[in-house]
Amino acid sequence: LRQGRTEAYDVRESLANIGTGFIYKVGDALFLIVAGSAA
């Protein structure tokens, strides 16, 4: 923003990205417990 790059971030999209990251990490942990570790 200091560089004038106002288009580089969209707050709604960033929140969506953080949300997908949280879903991914929890799902990844559950998969590791249920199937990944056994494999």
PDB file of all heavy atoms in Angstrom:
ATOM      1  N   LEU A   1       0.837  -1.210   0.000  1.00  0.00           N
ATOM      2  CA  LEU A   1       0.000   0.000   0.000  1.00  0.00           C
ATOM      3  C   LEU A   1       0.866   1.252   0.000  1.00  0.00           C
ATOM      4  O   LEU A   1       0.534   2.243  -0.678  1.00  0.00           O
ATOM      5  CB  LEU A   1      -0.936  -0.010   1.216  1.00  0.00           C
ATOM      6  CG  LEU A   1      -2.113  -0.985   1.160  1.00  0.00           C
ATOM      7  CD1 LEU A   1      -2.889  -0.963   2.481  1.00  0.00           C
ATOM      8  CD2 LEU A   1      -3.043  -0.645  -0.009  1.00  0.00           C
ATOM      9  N   ARG A   2       1.956   1.219   0.715  1.00  0.00           N
ATOM     10  CA  ARG A   2       2.888   2.363   0.714  1.00  0.00           C
ATOM     11  C   ARG A   2       3.497   2.586  -0.666  1.00  0.00           C
ATOM     12  O   ARG A   2       3.844   3.709  -1.020  1.00  0.00           O
ATOM     13  CB  ARG A   2       4.008   2.146   1.735  1.00  0.00           C
ATOM     14  CG  ARG A   2       3.575   2.296   3.173  1.00  0.00           C
ATOM     15  CD  ARG A   2       4.775   2.534   4.065  1.00  0.00           C
ATOM     16  NE  ARG A   2       5.520   3.728   3.675  1.00  0.00           N
ATOM     17  CZ  ARG A   2       6.627   4.161   4.292  1.00  0.00           C
ATOM     18  NH1 ARG A   2       7.113   3.482   5.330  1.00  0.00           N
ATOM     19  NH2 ARG A   2       7.251   5.229   3.893  1.00  0.00           N
ATOM     20  N   GLN A   3       3.624   1.486  -1.417  1.00  0.00           N
ATOM     21  CA  GLN A   3       4.161   1.583  -2.769  1.00  0.00           C
ATOM     22  C   GLN A   3       3.093   1.937  -3.791  1.00  0.00           C
ATOM     23  O   GLN A   3       3.378   1.995  -4.995  1.00  0.00           O
ATOM     24  CB  GLN A   3       4.819   0.253  -3.171  1.00  0.00           C
ATOM     25  CG  GLN A   3       5.884  -0.241  -2.215  1.00  0.00           C
ATOM     26  CD  GLN A   3       7.005   0.757  -2.029  1.00  0.00           C
ATOM     27  OE1 GLN A   3       7.573   1.246  -3.002  1.00  0.00           O
ATOM     28  NE2 GLN A   3       7.318   1.087  -0.773  1.00  0.00           N
ATOM     29  N   GLY A   4       1.871   2.144  -3.352  1.00  0.00           N
ATOM     30  CA  GLY A   4       0.787   2.467  -4.261  1.00  0.00           C
ATOM     31  C   GLY A   4       0.157   1.261  -4.920  1.00  0.00           C
ATOM     32  O   GLY A   4      -0.649   1.405  -5.846  1.00  0.00           O
ATOM     33  N   ARG A   5       0.476   0.055  -4.439  1.00  0.00           N
ATOM     34  CA  ARG A   5      -0.054  -1.177  -5.032  1.00  0.00           C
ATOM     35  C   ARG A   5      -1.381  -1.546  -4.370  1.00  0.00           C
ATOM     36  O   ARG A   5      -1.497  -2.562  -3.690  1.00  0.00           O
ATOM     37  CB  ARG A   5       0.963  -2.308  -4.871  1.00  0.00           C
ATOM     38  CG  ARG A   5       2.256  -2.144  -5.652  1.00  0.00           C
ATOM     39  CD  ARG A   5       2.031  -2.394  -7.147  1.00  0.00           C
ATOM     40  NE  ARG A   5       1.335  -3.635  -7.359  1.00  0.00           N
ATOM     41  CZ  ARG A   5       1.929  -4.844  -7.326  1.00  0.00           C
ATOM     42  NH1 ARG A   5       3.211  -4.940  -7.102  1.00  0.00           N
ATOM     43  NH2 ARG A   5       1.213  -5.938  -7.546  1.00  0.00           N
ATOM     44  N   THR A   6      -2.368  -0.732  -4.551  1.00  0.00           N
ATOM     45  CA  THR A   6      -3.656  -0.969  -3.895  1.00  0.00           C
ATOM     46  C   THR A   6      -4.370  -2.201  -4.427  1.00  0.00           C
ATOM     47  O   THR A   6      -5.233  -2.763  -3.752  1.00  0.00           O
ATOM     48  CB  THR A   6      -4.569   0.256  -4.066  1.00  0.00           C
ATOM     49  OG1 THR A   6      -4.719   0.536  -5.470  1.00  0.00           O
ATOM     50  CG2 THR A   6      -3.980   1.483  -3.377  1.00  0.00           C
ATOM     51  N   GLU A   7      -4.017  -2.622  -5.639  1.00  0.00           N
ATOM     52  CA  GLU A   7      -4.673  -3.776  -6.245  1.00  0.00           C
ATOM     53  C   GLU A   7      -4.071  -5.106  -5.800  1.00  0.00           C
ATOM     54  O   GLU A   7      -4.624  -6.171  -6.085  1.00  0.00           O
ATOM     55  CB  GLU A   7      -4.592  -3.678  -7.770  1.00  0.00           C
ATOM     56  CG  GLU A   7      -3.284  -4.167  -8.398  1.00  0.00           C
ATOM     57  CD  GLU A   7      -2.052  -3.297  -8.090  1.00  0.00           C
ATOM     58  OE1 GLU A   7      -2.230  -2.152  -7.600  1.00  0.00           O
ATOM     59  OE2 GLU A   7      -0.924  -3.747  -8.337  1.00  0.00           O
ATOM     60  N   ALA A   8      -2.937  -5.061  -5.107  1.00  0.00           N
ATOM     61  CA  ALA A   8      -2.205  -6.285  -4.775  1.00  0.00           C
ATOM     62  C   ALA A   8      -2.909  -7.127  -3.718  1.00  0.00           C
ATOM     63  O   ALA A   8      -2.670  -8.328  -3.622  1.00  0.00           O
ATOM     64  CB  ALA A   8      -0.795  -5.943  -4.301  1.00  0.00           C
ATOM     65  N   TYR A   9      -3.778  -6.504  -2.931  1.00  0.00           N
ATOM     66  CA  TYR A   9      -4.498  -7.217  -1.884  1.00  0.00           C
ATOM     67  C   TYR A   9      -5.985  -6.899  -1.960  1.00  0.00           C
ATOM     68  O   TYR A   9      -6.386  -5.780  -2.258  1.00  0.00           O
ATOM     69  CB  TYR A   9      -3.986  -6.825  -0.494  1.00  0.00           C
ATOM     70  CG  TYR A   9      -2.973  -7.786   0.084  1.00  0.00           C
ATOM     71  CD1 TYR A   9      -1.620  -7.620  -0.162  1.00  0.00           C
ATOM     72  CD2 TYR A   9      -3.377  -8.849   0.882  1.00  0.00           C
ATOM     73  CE1 TYR A   9      -0.679  -8.494   0.372  1.00  0.00           C
ATOM     74  CE2 TYR A   9      -2.449  -9.726   1.426  1.00  0.00           C
ATOM     75  CZ  TYR A   9      -1.104  -9.549   1.164  1.00  0.00           C
ATOM     76  OH  TYR A   9      -0.181 -10.424   1.698  1.00  0.00           O
ATOM     77  N   ASP A  10      -6.798  -7.907  -1.704  1.00  0.00           N
ATOM     78  CA  ASP A  10      -8.221  -7.744  -1.501  1.00  0.00           C
ATOM     79  C   ASP A  10      -8.529  -8.409  -0.165  1.00  0.00           C
ATOM     80  O   ASP A  10      -8.270  -9.613   0.005  1.00  0.00           O
ATOM     81  CB  ASP A  10      -9.014  -8.398  -2.631  1.00  0.00           C
ATOM     82  CG  ASP A  10     -10.512  -8.253  -2.447  1.00  0.00           C
ATOM     83  OD1 ASP A  10     -11.079  -9.056  -1.667  1.00  0.00           O
ATOM     84  OD2 ASP A  10     -11.120  -7.375  -3.074  1.00  0.00           O
ATOM     85  N   VAL A  11      -9.039  -7.645   0.779  1.00  0.00           N
ATOM     86  CA  VAL A  11      -9.230  -8.160   2.135  1.00  0.00           C
ATOM     87  C   VAL A  11     -10.148  -9.377   2.143  1.00  0.00           C
ATOM     88  O   VAL A  11      -9.879 -10.374   2.827  1.00  0.00           O
ATOM     89  CB  VAL A  11      -9.791  -7.056   3.058  1.00  0.00           C
ATOM     90  CG1 VAL A  11     -10.131  -7.638   4.427  1.00  0.00           C
ATOM     91  CG2 VAL A  11      -8.776  -5.936   3.206  1.00  0.00           C
ATOM     92  N   ARG A  12     -11.216  -9.340   1.355  1.00  0.00           N
ATOM     93  CA  ARG A  12     -12.145 -10.475   1.324  1.00  0.00           C
ATOM     94  C   ARG A  12     -11.450 -11.722   0.801  1.00  0.00           C
ATOM     95  O   ARG A  12     -11.632 -12.828   1.339  1.00  0.00           O
ATOM     96  CB  ARG A  12     -13.356 -10.144   0.458  1.00  0.00           C
ATOM     97  CG  ARG A  12     -14.225  -9.005   0.973  1.00  0.00           C
ATOM     98  CD  ARG A  12     -15.284  -8.682  -0.056  1.00  0.00           C
ATOM     99  NE  ARG A  12     -14.678  -8.405  -1.365  1.00  0.00           N
ATOM    100  CZ  ARG A  12     -15.346  -8.416  -2.508  1.00  0.00           C
ATOM    101  NH1 ARG A  12     -16.636  -8.720  -2.533  1.00  0.00           N
ATOM    102  NH2 ARG A  12     -14.724  -8.135  -3.641  1.00  0.00           N
ATOM    103  N   GLU A  13     -10.659 -11.564  -0.234  1.00  0.00           N
ATOM    104  CA  GLU A  13      -9.945 -12.714  -0.781  1.00  0.00           C
ATOM    105  C   GLU A  13      -8.914 -13.241   0.211  1.00  0.00           C
ATOM    106  O   GLU A  13      -8.758 -14.460   0.371  1.00  0.00           O
ATOM    107  CB  GLU A  13      -9.257 -12.337  -2.088  1.00  0.00           C
ATOM    108  CG  GLU A  13      -8.525 -13.506  -2.737  1.00  0.00           C
ATOM    109  CD  GLU A  13      -7.813 -13.110  -4.019  1.00  0.00           C
ATOM    110  OE1 GLU A  13      -6.796 -12.393  -3.921  1.00  0.00           O
ATOM    111  OE2 GLU A  13      -8.276 -13.514  -5.090  1.00  0.00           O
ATOM    112  N   SER A  14      -8.221 -12.343   0.882  1.00  0.00           N
ATOM    113  CA  SER A  14      -7.220 -12.767   1.860  1.00  0.00           C
ATOM    114  C   SER A  14      -7.859 -13.560   2.988  1.00  0.00           C
ATOM    115  O   SER A  14      -7.315 -14.571   3.450  1.00  0.00           O
ATOM    116  CB  SER A  14      -6.476 -11.548   2.423  1.00  0.00           C
ATOM    117  OG  SER A  14      -5.744 -10.891   1.404  1.00  0.00           O
ATOM    118  N   LEU A  15      -9.030 -13.111   3.447  1.00  0.00           N
ATOM    119  CA  LEU A  15      -9.749 -13.854   4.489  1.00  0.00           C
ATOM    120  C   LEU A  15     -10.177 -15.231   3.978  1.00  0.00           C
ATOM    121  O   LEU A  15     -10.123 -16.227   4.716  1.00  0.00           O
ATOM    122  CB  LEU A  15     -10.966 -13.058   4.952  1.00  0.00           C
ATOM    123  CG  LEU A  15     -10.653 -11.777   5.751  1.00  0.00           C
ATOM    124  CD1 LEU A  15     -11.938 -11.011   6.032  1.00  0.00           C
ATOM    125  CD2 LEU A  15      -9.923 -12.104   7.045  1.00  0.00           C
ATOM    126  N   ALA A  16     -10.596 -15.289   2.705  1.00  0.00           N
ATOM    127  CA  ALA A  16     -10.951 -16.579   2.109  1.00  0.00           C
ATOM    128  C   ALA A  16      -9.727 -17.487   2.046  1.00  0.00           C
ATOM    129  O   ALA A  16      -9.822 -18.696   2.322  1.00  0.00           O
ATOM    130  CB  ALA A  16     -11.534 -16.371   0.713  1.00  0.00           C
ATOM    131  N   ASN A  17      -8.577 -16.917   1.703  1.00  0.00           N
ATOM    132  CA  ASN A  17      -7.351 -17.705   1.631  1.00  0.00           C
ATOM    133  C   ASN A  17      -6.968 -18.264   2.998  1.00  0.00           C
ATOM    134  O   ASN A  17      -6.564 -19.425   3.131  1.00  0.00           O
ATOM    135  CB  ASN A  17      -6.210 -16.849   1.081  1.00  0.00           C
ATOM    136  CG  ASN A  17      -6.430 -16.438  -0.361  1.00  0.00           C
ATOM    137  OD1 ASN A  17      -7.284 -16.994  -1.051  1.00  0.00           O
ATOM    138  ND2 ASN A  17      -5.670 -15.455  -0.813  1.00  0.00           N
ATOM    139  N   ILE A  18      -7.095 -17.440   4.020  1.00  0.00           N
ATOM    140  CA  ILE A  18      -6.795 -17.893   5.379  1.00  0.00           C
ATOM    141  C   ILE A  18      -7.773 -18.996   5.782  1.00  0.00           C
ATOM    142  O   ILE A  18      -7.394 -19.988   6.415  1.00  0.00           O
ATOM    143  CB  ILE A  18      -6.858 -16.709   6.359  1.00  0.00           C
ATOM    144  CG1 ILE A  18      -5.712 -15.735   6.057  1.00  0.00           C
ATOM    145  CG2 ILE A  18      -6.771 -17.189   7.805  1.00  0.00           C
ATOM    146  CD1 ILE A  18      -5.821 -14.405   6.788  1.00  0.00           C
ATOM    147  N   GLY A  19      -9.029 -18.837   5.391  1.00  0.00           N
ATOM    148  CA  GLY A  19     -10.035 -19.859   5.693  1.00  0.00           C
ATOM    149  C   GLY A  19      -9.726 -21.185   5.026  1.00  0.00           C
ATOM    150  O   GLY A  19      -9.833 -22.248   5.658  1.00  0.00           O
ATOM    151  N   THR A  20      -9.349 -21.153   3.751  1.00  0.00           N
ATOM    152  CA  THR A  20      -9.001 -22.404   3.070  1.00  0.00           C
ATOM    153  C   THR A  20      -7.774 -23.033   3.701  1.00  0.00           C
ATOM    154  O   THR A  20      -7.681 -24.257   3.816  1.00  0.00           O
ATOM    155  CB  THR A  20      -8.749 -22.187   1.566  1.00  0.00           C
ATOM    156  OG1 THR A  20      -7.617 -21.309   1.392  1.00  0.00           O
ATOM    157  CG2 THR A  20      -9.961 -21.596   0.861  1.00  0.00           C
ATOM    158  N   GLY A  21      -6.825 -22.195   4.130  1.00  0.00           N
ATOM    159  CA  GLY A  21      -5.628 -22.723   4.771  1.00  0.00           C
ATOM    160  C   GLY A  21      -5.936 -23.449   6.061  1.00  0.00           C
ATOM    161  O   GLY A  21      -5.356 -24.501   6.352  1.00  0.00           O
ATOM    162  N   PHE A  22      -6.866 -22.910   6.835  1.00  0.00           N
ATOM    163  CA  PHE A  22      -7.240 -23.566   8.090  1.00  0.00           C
ATOM    164  C   PHE A  22      -7.954 -24.889   7.817  1.00  0.00           C
ATOM    165  O   PHE A  22      -7.659 -25.912   8.444  1.00  0.00           O
ATOM    166  CB  PHE A  22      -8.148 -22.645   8.919  1.00  0.00           C
ATOM    167  CG  PHE A  22      -8.529 -23.224  10.247  1.00  0.00           C
ATOM    168  CD1 PHE A  22      -7.642 -23.163  11.311  1.00  0.00           C
ATOM    169  CD2 PHE A  22      -9.755 -23.837  10.433  1.00  0.00           C
ATOM    170  CE1 PHE A  22      -7.981 -23.709  12.546  1.00  0.00           C
ATOM    171  CE2 PHE A  22     -10.104 -24.385  11.655  1.00  0.00           C
ATOM    172  CZ  PHE A  22      -9.210 -24.315  12.715  1.00  0.00           C
ATOM    173  N   ILE A  23      -8.881 -24.887   6.857  1.00  0.00           N
ATOM    174  CA  ILE A  23      -9.593 -26.120   6.493  1.00  0.00           C
ATOM    175  C   ILE A  23      -8.603 -27.178   6.009  1.00  0.00           C
ATOM    176  O   ILE A  23      -8.691 -28.357   6.364  1.00  0.00           O
ATOM    177  CB  ILE A  23     -10.654 -25.841   5.416  1.00  0.00           C
ATOM    178  CG1 ILE A  23     -11.754 -24.935   5.975  1.00  0.00           C
ATOM    179  CG2 ILE A  23     -11.262 -27.135   4.888  1.00  0.00           C
ATOM    180  CD1 ILE A  23     -12.719 -24.430   4.911  1.00  0.00           C
ATOM    181  N   TYR A  24      -7.654 -26.743   5.194  1.00  0.00           N
ATOM    182  CA  TYR A  24      -6.635 -27.663   4.673  1.00  0.00           C
ATOM    183  C   TYR A  24      -5.831 -28.296   5.801  1.00  0.00           C
ATOM    184  O   TYR A  24      -5.634 -29.517   5.839  1.00  0.00           O
ATOM    185  CB  TYR A  24      -5.707 -26.911   3.720  1.00  0.00           C
ATOM    186  CG  TYR A  24      -4.310 -27.471   3.645  1.00  0.00           C
ATOM    187  CD1 TYR A  24      -4.067 -28.714   3.065  1.00  0.00           C
ATOM    188  CD2 TYR A  24      -3.220 -26.759   4.153  1.00  0.00           C
ATOM    189  CE1 TYR A  24      -2.779 -29.237   3.007  1.00  0.00           C
ATOM    190  CE2 TYR A  24      -1.948 -27.269   4.096  1.00  0.00           C
ATOM    191  CZ  TYR A  24      -1.718 -28.507   3.522  1.00  0.00           C
ATOM    192  OH  TYR A  24      -0.452 -29.013   3.477  1.00  0.00           O
ATOM    193  N   LYS A  25      -5.396 -27.473   6.748  1.00  0.00           N
ATOM    194  CA  LYS A  25      -4.493 -27.990   7.778  1.00  0.00           C
ATOM    195  C   LYS A  25      -5.210 -28.963   8.710  1.00  0.00           C
ATOM    196  O   LYS A  25      -4.654 -29.992   9.101  1.00  0.00           O
ATOM    197  CB  LYS A  25      -3.900 -26.824   8.571  1.00  0.00           C
ATOM    198  CG  LYS A  25      -2.601 -27.176   9.249  1.00  0.00           C
ATOM    199  CD  LYS A  25      -1.576 -27.564   8.191  1.00  0.00           C
ATOM    200  CE  LYS A  25      -0.460 -28.406   8.795  1.00  0.00           C
ATOM    201  NZ  LYS A  25       0.418 -28.963   7.742  1.00  0.00           N
ATOM    202  N   VAL A  26      -6.455 -28.641   9.054  1.00  0.00           N
ATOM    203  CA  VAL A  26      -7.227 -29.549   9.907  1.00  0.00           C
ATOM    204  C   VAL A  26      -7.525 -30.846   9.162  1.00  0.00           C
ATOM    205  O   VAL A  26      -7.366 -31.944   9.703  1.00  0.00           O
ATOM    206  CB  VAL A  26      -8.532 -28.869  10.367  1.00  0.00           C
ATOM    207  CG1 VAL A  26      -9.420 -29.874  11.093  1.00  0.00           C
ATOM    208  CG2 VAL A  26      -8.216 -27.686  11.275  1.00  0.00           C
ATOM    209  N   GLY A  27      -7.945 -30.735   7.905  1.00  0.00           N
ATOM    210  CA  GLY A  27      -8.217 -31.931   7.106  1.00  0.00           C
ATOM    211  C   GLY A  27      -6.978 -32.782   6.913  1.00  0.00           C
ATOM    212  O   GLY A  27      -7.040 -34.019   6.950  1.00  0.00           O
ATOM    213  N   ASP A  28      -5.843 -32.124   6.709  1.00  0.00           N
ATOM    214  CA  ASP A  28      -4.581 -32.834   6.534  1.00  0.00           C
ATOM    215  C   ASP A  28      -4.226 -33.622   7.795  1.00  0.00           C
ATOM    216  O   ASP A  28      -3.788 -34.779   7.720  1.00  0.00           O
ATOM    217  CB  ASP A  28      -3.482 -31.819   6.213  1.00  0.00           C
ATOM    218  CG  ASP A  28      -2.128 -32.478   5.996  1.00  0.00           C
ATOM    219  OD1 ASP A  28      -1.997 -33.284   5.063  1.00  0.00           O
ATOM    220  OD2 ASP A  28      -1.203 -32.170   6.760  1.00  0.00           O
ATOM    221  N   ALA A  29      -4.434 -33.012   8.958  1.00  0.00           N
ATOM    222  CA  ALA A  29      -4.138 -33.696  10.221  1.00  0.00           C
ATOM    223  C   ALA A  29      -5.051 -34.899  10.421  1.00  0.00           C
ATOM    224  O   ALA A  29      -4.600 -35.975  10.832  1.00  0.00           O
ATOM    225  CB  ALA A  29      -4.294 -32.715  11.385  1.00  0.00           C
ATOM    226  N   LEU A  30      -6.333 -34.730  10.134  1.00  0.00           N
ATOM    227  CA  LEU A  30      -7.273 -35.836  10.285  1.00  0.00           C
ATOM    228  C   LEU A  30      -6.940 -36.989   9.346  1.00  0.00           C
ATOM    229  O   LEU A  30      -7.011 -38.157   9.721  1.00  0.00           O
ATOM    230  CB  LEU A  30      -8.700 -35.340  10.032  1.00  0.00           C
ATOM    231  CG  LEU A  30      -9.255 -34.362  11.076  1.00  0.00           C
ATOM    232  CD1 LEU A  30     -10.613 -33.838  10.633  1.00  0.00           C
ATOM    233  CD2 LEU A  30      -9.352 -35.024  12.441  1.00  0.00           C
ATOM    234  N   PHE A  31      -6.552 -36.657   8.115  1.00  0.00           N
ATOM    235  CA  PHE A  31      -6.178 -37.697   7.156  1.00  0.00           C
ATOM    236  C   PHE A  31      -4.952 -38.456   7.640  1.00  0.00           C
ATOM    237  O   PHE A  31      -4.874 -39.686   7.532  1.00  0.00           O
ATOM    238  CB  PHE A  31      -5.913 -37.093   5.785  1.00  0.00           C
ATOM    239  CG  PHE A  31      -5.414 -38.096   4.778  1.00  0.00           C
ATOM    240  CD1 PHE A  31      -6.305 -38.914   4.099  1.00  0.00           C
ATOM    241  CD2 PHE A  31      -4.055 -38.244   4.536  1.00  0.00           C
ATOM    242  CE1 PHE A  31      -5.851 -39.857   3.184  1.00  0.00           C
ATOM    243  CE2 PHE A  31      -3.595 -39.184   3.623  1.00  0.00           C
ATOM    244  CZ  PHE A  31      -4.494 -39.988   2.948  1.00  0.00           C
ATOM    245  N   LEU A  32      -3.986 -37.728   8.189  1.00  0.00           N
ATOM    246  CA  LEU A  32      -2.762 -38.375   8.661  1.00  0.00           C
ATOM    247  C   LEU A  32      -3.062 -39.368   9.777  1.00  0.00           C
ATOM    248  O   LEU A  32      -2.484 -40.454   9.831  1.00  0.00           O
ATOM    249  CB  LEU A  32      -1.771 -37.310   9.153  1.00  0.00           C
ATOM    250  CG  LEU A  32      -0.378 -37.816   9.558  1.00  0.00           C
ATOM    251  CD1 LEU A  32       0.311 -38.496   8.388  1.00  0.00           C
ATOM    252  CD2 LEU A  32       0.464 -36.666  10.095  1.00  0.00           C
ATOM    253  N   ILE A  33      -3.999 -38.998  10.643  1.00  0.00           N
ATOM    254  CA  ILE A  33      -4.365 -39.890  11.747  1.00  0.00           C
ATOM    255  C   ILE A  33      -5.108 -41.122  11.237  1.00  0.00           C
ATOM    256  O   ILE A  33      -4.813 -42.253  11.614  1.00  0.00           O
ATOM    257  CB  ILE A  33      -5.237 -39.138  12.769  1.00  0.00           C
ATOM    258  CG1 ILE A  33      -4.402 -38.090  13.494  1.00  0.00           C
ATOM    259  CG2 ILE A  33      -5.856 -40.104  13.771  1.00  0.00           C
ATOM    260  CD1 ILE A  33      -5.221 -37.176  14.367  1.00  0.00           C
ATOM    261  N   VAL A  34      -6.080 -40.911  10.342  1.00  0.00           N
ATOM    262  CA  VAL A  34      -6.962 -41.993   9.909  1.00  0.00           C
ATOM    263  C   VAL A  34      -6.282 -42.935   8.927  1.00  0.00           C
ATOM    264  O   VAL A  34      -6.370 -44.154   9.042  1.00  0.00           O
ATOM    265  CB  VAL A  34      -8.254 -41.417   9.286  1.00  0.00           C
ATOM    266  CG1 VAL A  34      -9.114 -42.521   8.696  1.00  0.00           C
ATOM    267  CG2 VAL A  34      -9.038 -40.623  10.323  1.00  0.00           C
ATOM    268  N   ALA A  35      -5.594 -42.394   7.948  1.00  0.00           N
ATOM    269  CA  ALA A  35      -5.063 -43.243   6.875  1.00  0.00           C
ATOM    270  C   ALA A  35      -3.577 -43.045   6.621  1.00  0.00           C
ATOM    271  O   ALA A  35      -2.851 -44.009   6.362  1.00  0.00           O
ATOM    272  CB  ALA A  35      -5.847 -42.977   5.575  1.00  0.00           C
ATOM    273  N   GLY A  36      -3.120 -41.815   6.677  1.00  0.00           N
ATOM    274  CA  GLY A  36      -1.737 -41.524   6.297  1.00  0.00           C
ATOM    275  C   GLY A  36      -0.707 -42.223   7.157  1.00  0.00           C
ATOM    276  O   GLY A  36       0.251 -42.812   6.644  1.00  0.00           O
ATOM    277  N   SER A  37      -0.894 -42.170   8.473  1.00  0.00           N
ATOM    278  CA  SER A  37       0.078 -42.798   9.358  1.00  0.00           C
ATOM    279  C   SER A  37       0.100 -44.312   9.184  1.00  0.00           C
ATOM    280  O   SER A  37       1.160 -44.944   9.225  1.00  0.00           O
ATOM    281  CB  SER A  37      -0.211 -42.436  10.813  1.00  0.00           C
ATOM    282  OG  SER A  37      -1.520 -42.835  11.173  1.00  0.00           O
ATOM    283  N   ALA A  38      -1.085 -44.907   8.964  1.00  0.00           N
ATOM    284  CA  ALA A  38      -1.145 -46.359   8.755  1.00  0.00           C
ATOM    285  C   ALA A  38      -0.402 -46.751   7.480  1.00  0.00           C
ATOM    286  O   ALA A  38       0.339 -47.747   7.461  1.00  0.00           O
ATOM    287  CB  ALA A  38      -2.602 -46.812   8.682  1.00  0.00           C
ATOM    288  N   ALA A  39      -0.610 -45.974   6.402  1.00  0.00           N
ATOM    289  CA  ALA A  39       0.074 -46.258   5.143  1.00  0.00           C
ATOM    290  C   ALA A  39       1.582 -46.103   5.306  1.00  0.00           C
ATOM    291  O   ALA A  39       2.365 -46.934   4.826  1.00  0.00           O
ATOM    292  CB  ALA A  39      -0.442 -45.327   4.049  1.00  0.00           C
TER     293      ALA A  39
END
